[in-house]
Amino acid sequence: MEKAVTAMNKQTRDDIQYRLFPLLEAEYGVCVKHMTIIKPHVWIIDSDRGNWILKKYPSFFEASRQQMFIRLLKKAQFQAAPSIEGMVLFQSAYWTLQTYIPSSRTFTFADEEDRNAGILLLKEYHSCSPQLLHHPFLTTMIPRYPLYEKWKQRYQLFLYYLPAMKRIMVNEELSFMLQCAQYFFEQFPKFFHSFTLEENAVIHGDVASHNFLRTEQGTTYLIDYDLIAVAPPSIDYLQYANRILPHVQWSLAYLERWAAFQSLLAKPWFLVALLFPADFMRECRFLVRRNKPFSLPDFERRKQFVQKIIDVIR
């Protein structure tokens, strides 16, 4: 929920009013009239020069990496991203000043038009992002994306919460999620070599629906590049598939309709990766904290989806 700056304690309000706001005006000519907190590290400011986004980074390295990446991305002809005009040091953190992109409505993967717009924008992004790998400074600033290791950590965290999950889930559904994860860890190493042969790019790393915006004119933007990494573009498409499948009744045929997925669905490593319950394991900590009975949505269709992929891999 949005909170106005008046909800802060007096010391923080004074620091913002008498230190941060004058910095923005002195450095960038932005005279702040009002501020709204979207997240603790993301603010919208209303100024005499229109609206802006202020985003907090804990270090100069992270803030400058974002600034450099966005500039190079636009130079590579991808314009559907917010610009970063500069940064200021405030309260031991670095705040970037970004262009504000007004959205007409919430972007959702439950909507067919939004799903199509998102995949087209992702394709456009990846037509530009491989060029950035050749920049001598940027490549030293971006980590590699460790798919297997990342999911192993998520799985281990899930095992930690497993006793609590047993109290809120039906055993059949919980066992099914465990089997899907275990199948991934057993099978993915067999196809790991083919995965390493994929061409690399700079992936976005977090293609959730909240990182897409639709303007009133119908233009789609991709925002929040905090998780950029060096990896095959197929990782972004894998994430995208994981996000949309619950909204299309776990239909493999739906993915096959899109050109972006047709070649990927012929690759065993990608099919195996589709079976890992990333969505479920991402939410397990929240489910435990909520401590209410939970049932997997569309469980039967999800089981059919998993069985179809296993049959194809065999």
Protein backbone atom coordinates (compact mmCIF):
# COMPACT_ATOMS: atom_id res chain seq x y z
CA MET A 1 0.00 0.00 0.00
CA GLU A 2 1.26 3.45 -0.81
CA LYS A 3 2.33 5.60 2.12
CA ALA A 4 2.87 9.32 1.98
CA VAL A 5 6.03 10.85 3.34
CA THR A 6 4.01 12.17 6.29
CA ALA A 7 3.82 8.61 7.65
CA MET A 8 7.56 8.67 8.41
CA ASN A 9 9.01 9.65 11.75
CA LYS A 10 9.96 13.30 12.23
CA GLN A 11 13.73 12.76 11.99
CA THR A 12 13.41 10.97 8.66
CA ARG A 13 11.00 13.60 7.34
CA ASP A 14 13.41 16.35 8.28
CA ASP A 15 16.33 14.54 6.65
CA ILE A 16 14.35 14.16 3.45
CA GLN A 17 13.07 17.72 3.43
CA TYR A 18 16.30 19.47 4.39
CA ARG A 19 18.97 17.17 2.94
CA LEU A 20 17.66 14.92 0.15
CA PHE A 21 15.29 17.33 -1.58
CA PRO A 22 17.87 20.16 -1.75
CA LEU A 23 20.38 17.67 -3.20
CA LEU A 24 17.98 16.79 -6.00
CA GLU A 25 17.31 20.44 -6.73
CA ALA A 26 20.99 21.42 -6.66
CA GLU A 27 22.20 18.49 -8.78
CA TYR A 28 19.33 18.02 -11.23
CA GLY A 29 17.04 21.03 -10.93
CA VAL A 30 14.21 18.89 -9.53
CA CYS A 31 12.17 20.84 -6.97
CA VAL A 32 10.12 18.26 -5.04
CA LYS A 33 6.52 19.11 -4.13
CA HIS A 34 5.33 15.77 -2.81
CA MET A 35 6.62 12.23 -2.34
CA THR A 36 4.88 8.85 -2.18
CA ILE A 37 6.49 5.64 -0.97
CA ILE A 38 5.75 2.64 -3.19
CA LYS A 39 8.25 0.37 -1.43
CA PRO A 40 10.83 1.25 1.25
CA HIS A 41 13.43 1.58 -1.51
CA VAL A 42 11.22 2.99 -4.30
CA TRP A 43 9.57 6.41 -4.13
CA ILE A 44 7.56 8.52 -6.56
CA ILE A 45 8.30 12.22 -6.37
CA ASP A 46 6.14 14.98 -7.81
CA SER A 47 8.20 17.99 -8.85
CA ASP A 48 8.05 21.13 -10.92
CA ARG A 49 9.54 19.00 -13.70
CA GLY A 50 6.90 16.27 -13.47
CA ASN A 51 6.99 12.89 -11.75
CA TRP A 52 10.15 10.87 -11.14
CA ILE A 53 11.12 7.59 -9.52
CA LEU A 54 13.72 7.57 -6.74
CA LYS A 55 15.20 4.13 -6.21
CA LYS A 56 17.61 3.17 -3.45
CA TYR A 57 20.73 1.01 -3.85
CA PRO A 58 22.97 0.02 -0.94
CA SER A 59 26.24 0.72 -2.79
CA PHE A 60 27.71 2.95 -5.45
CA PHE A 61 28.64 -0.18 -7.42
CA GLU A 62 25.03 -1.35 -7.72
CA ALA A 63 23.66 2.09 -8.53
CA SER A 64 26.32 2.86 -11.13
CA ARG A 65 25.91 -0.58 -12.71
CA GLN A 66 22.22 0.15 -13.22
CA GLN A 67 22.96 3.55 -14.68
CA MET A 68 25.59 2.20 -17.07
CA PHE A 69 23.46 -0.76 -18.11
CA ILE A 70 20.39 1.31 -18.95
CA ARG A 71 22.47 3.77 -20.98
CA LEU A 72 24.09 0.97 -22.97
CA LEU A 73 20.75 -0.78 -23.42
CA LYS A 74 19.24 2.34 -24.96
CA LYS A 75 22.33 2.79 -27.11
CA ALA A 76 21.69 -0.76 -28.35
CA GLN A 77 18.26 0.54 -29.52
CA PHE A 78 16.09 -0.89 -26.75
CA GLN A 79 14.04 2.12 -25.68
CA ALA A 80 11.31 0.41 -23.63
CA ALA A 81 13.10 1.00 -20.31
CA PRO A 82 13.13 3.94 -17.90
CA SER A 83 16.11 6.29 -18.16
CA ILE A 84 18.36 6.98 -15.18
CA GLU A 85 19.22 10.67 -15.04
CA GLY A 86 21.66 10.50 -12.14
CA MET A 87 22.15 9.58 -8.50
CA VAL A 88 22.65 11.18 -5.09
CA LEU A 89 24.17 9.94 -1.84
CA PHE A 90 21.72 10.08 1.06
CA GLN A 91 21.74 8.25 4.40
CA SER A 92 24.65 5.97 3.39
CA ALA A 93 22.82 4.76 0.27
CA TYR A 94 22.73 5.78 -3.37
CA TRP A 95 19.43 6.94 -4.84
CA THR A 96 18.94 6.93 -8.61
CA LEU A 97 16.66 9.43 -10.30
CA GLN A 98 14.66 7.60 -12.96
CA THR A 99 12.00 8.64 -15.43
CA TYR A 100 8.48 7.91 -14.29
CA ILE A 101 6.36 5.78 -16.63
CA PRO A 102 2.62 6.17 -15.97
CA SER A 103 0.69 2.94 -16.46
CA SER A 104 -2.92 2.80 -17.57
CA ARG A 105 -3.72 -0.34 -15.56
CA THR A 106 -2.07 -3.26 -13.81
CA PHE A 107 -0.21 -5.57 -16.20
CA THR A 108 -1.32 -9.15 -15.55
CA PHE A 109 -0.46 -12.55 -17.01
CA ALA A 110 -4.11 -13.49 -16.58
CA ASP A 111 -4.80 -11.30 -19.62
CA GLU A 112 -4.07 -12.72 -23.09
CA GLU A 113 -3.20 -9.32 -24.53
CA ASP A 114 -0.68 -8.70 -21.75
CA ARG A 115 0.89 -12.13 -22.15
CA ASN A 116 1.39 -11.49 -25.86
CA ALA A 117 2.75 -7.99 -25.29
CA GLY A 118 5.17 -9.30 -22.67
CA ILE A 119 6.65 -12.03 -24.85
CA LEU A 120 7.04 -9.64 -27.79
CA LEU A 121 8.85 -7.13 -25.59
CA LEU A 122 11.08 -9.85 -24.17
CA LYS A 123 11.98 -10.90 -27.71
CA GLU A 124 12.81 -7.29 -28.56
CA TYR A 125 14.94 -6.98 -25.43
CA HIS A 126 16.92 -10.09 -26.33
CA SER A 127 17.52 -8.85 -29.84
CA CYS A 128 19.58 -6.08 -28.20
CA SER A 129 21.00 -7.55 -24.98
CA PRO A 130 23.69 -9.83 -26.53
CA GLN A 131 25.50 -6.70 -27.78
CA LEU A 132 26.10 -5.64 -24.19
CA LEU A 133 28.30 -8.65 -23.51
CA HIS A 134 31.02 -7.02 -25.59
CA HIS A 135 31.30 -3.93 -23.41
CA PRO A 136 34.61 -4.28 -21.52
CA PHE A 137 33.46 -2.61 -18.30
CA LEU A 138 29.91 -3.86 -18.09
CA THR A 139 30.85 -7.52 -18.40
CA THR A 140 33.01 -7.32 -15.29
CA MET A 141 30.07 -5.89 -13.32
CA ILE A 142 27.41 -8.50 -14.14
CA PRO A 143 27.33 -11.95 -12.46
CA ARG A 144 26.54 -15.20 -14.19
CA TYR A 145 23.13 -16.73 -13.53
CA PRO A 146 23.54 -20.04 -11.62
CA LEU A 147 20.27 -21.79 -12.48
CA TYR A 148 20.99 -25.17 -10.89
CA GLU A 149 22.63 -23.73 -7.77
CA LYS A 150 19.89 -21.11 -7.33
CA TRP A 151 17.14 -23.71 -7.45
CA LYS A 152 19.11 -26.03 -5.18
CA GLN A 153 19.19 -23.29 -2.54
CA ARG A 154 15.47 -22.68 -2.97
CA TYR A 155 14.81 -26.41 -2.62
CA GLN A 156 16.92 -26.65 0.55
CA LEU A 157 14.99 -23.75 2.06
CA PHE A 158 11.78 -25.56 1.15
CA LEU A 159 13.01 -28.69 2.96
CA TYR A 160 13.63 -26.55 6.02
CA TYR A 161 9.97 -25.48 5.96
CA LEU A 162 8.70 -28.96 5.03
CA PRO A 163 7.44 -29.92 8.53
CA ALA A 164 5.34 -26.74 8.60
CA MET A 165 4.14 -27.31 5.03
CA LYS A 166 2.89 -30.77 6.03
CA ARG A 167 0.52 -29.13 8.47
CA ILE A 168 -1.16 -26.93 5.87
CA MET A 169 -1.12 -29.06 2.69
CA VAL A 170 -2.70 -32.27 1.48
CA ASN A 171 -0.04 -34.99 1.41
CA GLU A 172 -0.68 -35.93 -2.24
CA GLU A 173 -0.06 -32.38 -3.47
CA LEU A 174 2.99 -31.83 -1.30
CA SER A 175 4.50 -35.16 -2.36
CA PHE A 176 3.91 -34.27 -5.99
CA MET A 177 5.84 -30.99 -5.61
CA LEU A 178 8.73 -32.85 -3.98
CA GLN A 179 8.78 -35.41 -6.79
CA CYS A 180 8.87 -32.68 -9.45
CA ALA A 181 11.82 -30.98 -7.74
CA GLN A 182 13.68 -34.25 -7.27
CA TYR A 183 13.09 -35.19 -10.90
CA PHE A 184 14.69 -31.91 -11.98
CA PHE A 185 17.80 -32.48 -9.84
CA GLU A 186 18.14 -36.04 -11.10
CA GLN A 187 17.64 -35.28 -14.79
CA PHE A 188 19.05 -31.79 -15.37
CA PRO A 189 22.72 -32.83 -14.95
CA LYS A 190 22.27 -35.28 -17.84
CA PHE A 191 21.52 -32.38 -20.16
CA PHE A 192 23.74 -29.77 -18.54
CA HIS A 193 26.32 -29.89 -21.33
CA SER A 194 23.73 -28.90 -23.94
CA PHE A 195 22.66 -26.06 -21.64
CA THR A 196 26.25 -24.76 -21.52
CA LEU A 197 26.33 -24.63 -25.33
CA GLU A 198 23.54 -22.01 -25.39
CA GLU A 199 24.56 -18.52 -26.56
CA ASN A 200 24.76 -16.02 -23.71
CA ALA A 201 23.26 -12.56 -23.36
CA VAL A 202 22.43 -10.23 -20.49
CA ILE A 203 19.15 -11.58 -19.16
CA HIS A 204 16.63 -9.47 -17.25
CA GLY A 205 16.39 -12.07 -14.52
CA ASP A 206 12.95 -11.19 -13.11
CA VAL A 207 10.23 -11.19 -15.77
CA ALA A 208 7.35 -11.09 -13.30
CA SER A 209 4.21 -9.24 -14.35
CA HIS A 210 4.95 -6.31 -12.01
CA ASN A 211 8.07 -5.56 -14.06
CA PHE A 212 6.01 -4.84 -17.18
CA LEU A 213 4.08 -1.59 -17.61
CA ARG A 214 1.43 -0.62 -20.19
CA THR A 215 0.91 3.06 -20.90
CA GLU A 216 -2.39 4.65 -21.92
CA GLN A 217 -1.04 4.73 -25.50
CA GLY A 218 -0.56 0.93 -25.36
CA THR A 219 3.23 0.95 -25.24
CA THR A 220 4.80 -1.77 -23.07
CA TYR A 221 7.86 -1.13 -20.90
CA LEU A 222 10.19 -3.53 -19.12
CA ILE A 223 11.44 -2.15 -15.77
CA ASP A 224 13.60 -3.15 -12.76
CA TYR A 225 16.92 -4.48 -14.02
CA ASP A 226 18.33 -5.22 -10.57
CA LEU A 227 18.76 -8.94 -11.29
CA ILE A 228 20.51 -8.73 -14.66
CA ALA A 229 22.94 -11.60 -15.22
CA VAL A 230 24.95 -13.31 -17.93
CA ALA A 231 23.02 -16.35 -19.14
CA PRO A 232 21.21 -17.73 -22.21
CA PRO A 233 18.08 -15.72 -23.08
CA SER A 234 16.20 -18.99 -22.60
CA ILE A 235 16.41 -18.40 -18.83
CA ASP A 236 14.14 -15.37 -19.19
CA TYR A 237 11.77 -17.41 -21.35
CA LEU A 238 11.83 -20.20 -18.77
CA GLN A 239 10.84 -17.70 -16.09
CA TYR A 240 8.16 -16.28 -18.35
CA ALA A 241 6.71 -19.75 -18.98
CA ASN A 242 6.70 -20.47 -15.24
CA ARG A 243 4.78 -17.25 -14.64
CA ILE A 244 2.11 -17.69 -17.30
CA LEU A 245 1.42 -21.45 -17.10
CA PRO A 246 -0.87 -21.15 -14.06
CA HIS A 247 -2.98 -18.69 -16.10
CA VAL A 248 -3.32 -20.96 -19.15
CA GLN A 249 -4.35 -24.15 -17.33
CA TRP A 250 -0.85 -25.64 -17.56
CA SER A 251 -1.23 -26.09 -21.29
CA LEU A 252 1.88 -27.27 -23.14
CA ALA A 253 -0.01 -26.68 -26.39
CA TYR A 254 -0.37 -23.01 -25.44
CA LEU A 255 3.40 -22.58 -25.20
CA GLU A 256 3.88 -24.40 -28.51
CA ARG A 257 1.81 -21.71 -30.26
CA TRP A 258 4.53 -19.12 -29.68
CA ALA A 259 7.58 -19.05 -31.93
CA ALA A 260 9.74 -18.01 -28.97
CA PHE A 261 9.05 -21.35 -27.28
CA GLN A 262 8.92 -23.74 -30.23
CA SER A 263 12.67 -24.28 -30.47
CA LEU A 264 13.09 -24.28 -26.68
CA LEU A 265 10.49 -27.03 -26.22
CA ALA A 266 12.65 -29.28 -28.40
CA LYS A 267 15.50 -29.03 -25.88
CA PRO A 268 15.46 -31.65 -23.08
CA TRP A 269 17.18 -29.35 -20.56
CA PHE A 270 14.44 -26.73 -21.02
CA LEU A 271 11.69 -29.32 -20.64
CA VAL A 272 13.25 -30.67 -17.46
CA ALA A 273 13.59 -27.14 -16.10
CA LEU A 274 9.87 -26.54 -16.74
CA LEU A 275 9.10 -29.29 -14.25
CA PHE A 276 10.81 -27.61 -11.31
CA PRO A 277 8.04 -26.06 -9.13
CA ALA A 278 9.71 -22.65 -8.97
CA ASP A 279 6.42 -20.86 -8.36
CA PHE A 280 5.51 -23.06 -5.40
CA MET A 281 8.94 -22.98 -3.77
CA ARG A 282 9.14 -19.22 -4.20
CA GLU A 283 5.99 -18.88 -2.06
CA CYS A 284 6.61 -21.56 0.59
CA ARG A 285 7.94 -19.13 3.20
CA PHE A 286 4.88 -16.89 2.75
CA LEU A 287 2.55 -19.90 3.01
CA VAL A 288 4.17 -21.02 6.26
CA ARG A 289 3.89 -17.55 7.76
CA ARG A 290 0.24 -17.31 6.74
CA ASN A 291 -0.34 -20.72 8.41
CA LYS A 292 -3.63 -21.48 6.67
CA PRO A 293 -4.65 -24.59 4.70
CA PHE A 294 -3.30 -24.41 1.16
CA SER A 295 -4.21 -26.35 -1.96
CA LEU A 296 -2.43 -26.25 -5.31
CA PRO A 297 -4.54 -24.45 -7.93
CA ASP A 298 -5.38 -26.56 -10.98
CA PHE A 299 -3.65 -29.58 -9.47
CA GLU A 300 -4.98 -32.17 -11.94
CA ARG A 301 -4.02 -30.11 -15.00
CA ARG A 302 -0.57 -29.50 -13.53
CA LYS A 303 -0.11 -33.26 -13.08
CA GLN A 304 -1.11 -33.82 -16.71
CA PHE A 305 1.37 -31.14 -17.83
CA VAL A 306 4.18 -32.80 -15.90
CA GLN A 307 3.33 -36.23 -17.28
CA LYS A 308 3.29 -34.94 -20.88
CA ILE A 309 6.77 -33.46 -20.49
CA ILE A 310 8.13 -36.62 -18.87
CA ASP A 311 6.72 -38.63 -21.77
CA VAL A 312 8.44 -36.33 -24.27
CA ILE A 313 11.79 -36.56 -22.45
CA ARG A 314 11.61 -40.36 -22.38
